[in-house]
């Protein structure tokens, strides 16, 4: 059980896909202006990551690997993710129209979100079994959510600050993102201490 906890904690904190691996930056910068859209986008990403892993793992293990078709992994994974994002988009449009409208163009961008593709490829590269893959995917999604929530708070504070004119807009957002990213490096010792690594 410690191995599963280590995978989960690492994916959330020290291996955070946004702040440590720099995957999924587009929605991170685009949707983090408001907390409610950041949470909505994060929930959609967590759902898609977990579902993509649950679907791609058996396809990879029982179809691609058994038939020596591993070279098709990326294409197959992208197709599965695209189909799942379409499903999420349909559900949000029908049941949560305000969130669907607030996410705008960023919702279809989950299809090309490298964090979602990255997590399923990382699961294969690390040789995780199905349970480990699910823990890693959920952890990566929760880490994405944590980064989005923290950064939406930072961005709301930035709006009320007196930022020099030459730093206003994207420059100050990128500087703030880099500082938040650096803060996650401090979790390395904490995770190692908790897990006895």
Protein backbone atom coordinates (compact mmCIF):
# COMPACT_ATOMS: atom_id res chain seq x y z
CA UNK A 1 0.00 0.00 0.00
CA UNK A 2 2.95 2.33 0.61
CA UNK A 3 3.90 2.06 -3.07
CA UNK A 4 0.45 3.25 -4.13
CA UNK A 5 0.55 6.11 -1.64
CA UNK A 6 4.01 7.05 -2.95
CA UNK A 7 2.75 7.11 -6.54
CA UNK A 8 -0.25 9.25 -5.55
CA UNK A 9 1.73 11.71 -3.44
CA UNK A 10 4.49 12.00 -6.02
CA UNK A 11 1.98 12.70 -8.81
CA UNK A 12 0.27 15.39 -6.74
CA UNK A 13 3.31 17.17 -5.32
CA UNK A 14 6.84 16.38 -6.48
CA UNK A 15 5.93 15.13 -9.95
CA UNK A 16 3.17 17.68 -10.52
CA UNK A 17 2.44 17.64 -14.23
CA UNK A 18 1.95 21.40 -14.51
CA UNK A 19 4.49 22.81 -12.09
CA UNK A 20 7.26 20.19 -12.28
CA UNK A 21 6.89 18.53 -15.69
CA UNK A 22 5.47 21.64 -17.41
CA UNK A 23 2.68 19.74 -19.15
CA UNK A 24 -0.78 21.25 -19.53
CA UNK A 25 0.41 24.86 -19.42
CA UNK A 26 -2.18 26.11 -21.94
CA UNK A 27 -5.25 25.53 -19.72
CA UNK A 28 -3.17 26.39 -16.64
CA UNK A 29 -2.54 29.91 -17.94
CA UNK A 30 -5.83 30.28 -19.80
CA UNK A 31 -8.44 29.12 -17.29
CA UNK A 32 -6.84 30.00 -13.96
CA UNK A 33 -8.21 33.57 -13.80
CA UNK A 34 -11.27 32.56 -11.76
CA UNK A 35 -11.58 29.86 -9.13
CA UNK A 36 -14.86 28.40 -10.42
CA UNK A 37 -13.56 27.89 -13.97
CA UNK A 38 -10.25 26.56 -12.61
CA UNK A 39 -12.13 23.99 -10.51
CA UNK A 40 -14.44 23.05 -13.40
CA UNK A 41 -11.56 22.57 -15.81
CA UNK A 42 -9.60 20.61 -13.18
CA UNK A 43 -12.53 18.30 -12.48
CA UNK A 44 -12.88 17.64 -16.21
CA UNK A 45 -9.14 16.90 -16.48
CA UNK A 46 -9.20 14.55 -13.45
CA UNK A 47 -12.15 12.69 -14.97
CA UNK A 48 -10.56 12.47 -18.43
CA UNK A 49 -7.17 11.36 -17.01
CA UNK A 50 -8.72 8.59 -14.93
CA UNK A 51 -11.05 7.44 -17.68
CA UNK A 52 -8.31 7.62 -20.33
CA UNK A 53 -6.08 5.42 -18.18
CA UNK A 54 -8.89 2.95 -17.51
CA UNK A 55 -9.55 2.64 -21.25
CA UNK A 56 -6.01 2.83 -22.66
CA UNK A 57 -4.40 0.38 -20.22
CA UNK A 58 -6.31 -2.71 -21.42
CA UNK A 59 -6.09 -1.58 -25.06
CA UNK A 60 -2.33 -1.24 -24.73
CA UNK A 61 -1.76 -4.45 -22.76
CA UNK A 62 -4.16 -6.80 -24.53
CA UNK A 63 -4.18 -5.40 -28.05
CA UNK A 64 -1.08 -3.36 -28.85
CA UNK A 65 1.57 -5.21 -26.82
CA UNK A 66 0.25 -8.70 -27.65
CA UNK A 67 0.30 -7.93 -31.37
CA UNK A 68 3.63 -6.05 -31.36
CA UNK A 69 1.90 -2.78 -32.24
CA UNK A 70 3.45 -0.62 -29.50
CA UNK A 71 4.49 1.92 -32.14
CA UNK A 72 0.78 2.84 -32.47
CA UNK A 73 0.43 3.79 -28.78
CA UNK A 74 0.50 7.55 -29.28
CA UNK A 75 -2.07 7.51 -32.08
CA UNK A 76 -4.40 5.15 -30.23
CA UNK A 77 -4.06 7.10 -26.98
CA UNK A 78 -4.87 10.40 -28.74
CA UNK A 79 -7.95 8.90 -30.38
CA UNK A 80 -9.21 7.51 -27.05
CA UNK A 81 -8.60 10.85 -25.30
CA UNK A 82 -10.36 12.77 -28.08
CA UNK A 83 -13.42 10.52 -27.79
CA UNK A 84 -13.50 10.91 -24.00
CA UNK A 85 -13.22 14.70 -24.23
CA UNK A 86 -16.14 14.75 -26.65
CA UNK A 87 -18.13 12.78 -24.07
CA UNK A 88 -17.21 15.25 -21.31
CA UNK A 89 -18.10 18.17 -23.58
CA UNK A 90 -21.54 16.72 -24.34
CA UNK A 91 -22.23 16.06 -20.65
CA UNK A 92 -21.15 19.56 -19.59
CA UNK A 93 -23.15 21.22 -22.37
CA UNK A 94 -26.29 19.33 -21.34
CA UNK A 95 -26.03 19.41 -17.54
CA UNK A 96 -23.76 22.41 -16.73
CA UNK A 97 -24.20 25.08 -19.45
CA UNK A 98 -22.65 27.94 -17.40
CA UNK A 99 -19.46 25.95 -16.82
CA UNK A 100 -19.46 24.82 -20.45
CA UNK A 101 -19.67 28.45 -21.59
CA UNK A 102 -17.06 29.61 -19.06
CA UNK A 103 -14.52 27.01 -20.21
CA UNK A 104 -15.06 28.01 -23.83
CA UNK A 105 -12.26 26.96 -26.18
CA UNK A 106 -10.23 25.40 -23.36
CA UNK A 107 -12.60 22.44 -22.99
CA UNK A 108 -11.87 20.99 -26.46
CA UNK A 109 -8.21 21.72 -25.79
CA UNK A 110 -8.21 18.91 -23.21
CA UNK A 111 -7.97 16.68 -26.29
CA UNK A 112 -4.57 18.15 -27.08
CA UNK A 113 -3.63 18.69 -23.44
CA UNK A 114 -0.22 17.11 -23.23
CA UNK A 115 -0.78 16.36 -19.52
CA UNK A 116 -3.56 13.90 -20.34
CA UNK A 117 -1.51 12.20 -23.03
CA UNK A 118 1.57 12.43 -20.82
CA UNK A 119 -0.03 10.55 -17.94
CA UNK A 120 -1.08 7.57 -20.07
CA UNK A 121 2.33 7.41 -21.75
CA UNK A 122 4.09 7.74 -18.38
CA UNK A 123 2.04 4.84 -17.03
CA UNK A 124 3.32 2.66 -19.87
CA UNK A 125 6.91 3.92 -19.60
CA UNK A 126 7.02 3.32 -15.83
CA UNK A 127 5.64 -0.21 -16.28
CA UNK A 128 2.78 0.41 -13.85
CA UNK A 129 0.11 -2.23 -13.42
CA UNK A 130 -3.54 -1.21 -13.72
CA UNK A 131 -3.97 -0.11 -10.08
CA UNK A 132 -0.71 1.83 -10.08
CA UNK A 133 -1.71 3.49 -13.35
CA UNK A 134 -5.04 4.56 -11.87
CA UNK A 135 -3.36 5.96 -8.74
CA UNK A 136 -0.88 7.86 -10.91
CA UNK A 137 -3.63 9.25 -13.14
CA UNK A 138 -5.85 10.36 -10.28
CA UNK A 139 -2.82 11.83 -8.51
CA UNK A 140 -1.78 13.68 -11.66
CA UNK A 141 -5.32 15.04 -12.01
CA UNK A 142 -5.43 16.12 -8.37
CA UNK A 143 -2.02 17.72 -8.79
CA UNK A 144 -3.35 19.60 -11.82
CA UNK A 145 -6.31 20.73 -9.70
CA UNK A 146 -4.05 21.83 -6.86
CA UNK A 147 -1.89 23.85 -9.24
CA UNK A 148 -4.96 25.46 -10.85
CA UNK A 149 -6.55 26.39 -7.50
CA UNK A 150 -3.33 27.82 -6.07
CA UNK A 151 -2.61 29.77 -9.23
CA UNK A 152 -6.16 31.15 -9.48
CA UNK A 153 -5.62 32.58 -5.98
CA UNK A 154 -2.29 34.07 -7.05
CA UNK A 155 -3.85 35.59 -10.16
CA UNK A 156 -6.72 37.12 -8.19
CA UNK A 157 -4.13 38.76 -5.93
CA UNK A 158 -2.18 40.00 -8.96
CA UNK A 159 -5.25 41.88 -10.21
CA UNK A 160 -5.30 44.03 -7.08
CA UNK A 161 -1.54 44.69 -7.07
CA UNK A 162 0.24 47.69 -8.49
CA UNK A 163 2.30 45.94 -11.16
CA UNK A 164 4.81 48.03 -13.14
CA UNK A 165 3.55 48.77 -16.64
CA UNK A 166 6.26 46.74 -18.42
CA UNK A 167 5.30 43.62 -16.40
CA UNK A 168 1.52 43.88 -16.74
CA UNK A 169 -0.32 41.03 -18.42
CA UNK A 170 1.46 37.85 -19.44
CA UNK A 171 4.95 38.74 -18.08
CA UNK A 172 3.80 38.98 -14.45
CA UNK A 173 1.65 35.86 -14.89
CA UNK A 174 4.69 33.89 -16.09
CA UNK A 175 6.85 35.22 -13.25
CA UNK A 176 4.16 34.25 -10.72
CA UNK A 177 3.84 30.79 -12.31
CA UNK A 178 7.59 30.24 -12.04
CA UNK A 179 7.57 31.21 -8.35
CA UNK A 180 4.66 28.84 -7.65
CA UNK A 181 6.55 26.15 -9.57
CA UNK A 182 9.65 26.68 -7.45
CA UNK A 183 7.59 26.33 -4.29
CA UNK A 184 6.62 22.78 -5.30
CA UNK A 185 10.28 21.76 -5.30
CA UNK A 186 10.17 22.09 -1.51
CA UNK A 187 7.79 19.14 -1.33
CA UNK A 188 10.54 16.74 -2.43
CA UNK A 189 11.98 16.42 1.06
CA UNK A 190 8.52 16.16 2.61
CA UNK A 191 7.45 13.30 0.34
CA UNK A 192 10.74 11.45 0.85
CA UNK A 193 10.45 11.90 4.63
CA UNK A 194 6.84 10.70 4.76
CA UNK A 195 7.55 7.64 2.66
CA UNK A 196 10.92 6.83 4.18
CA UNK A 197 12.67 6.97 0.82
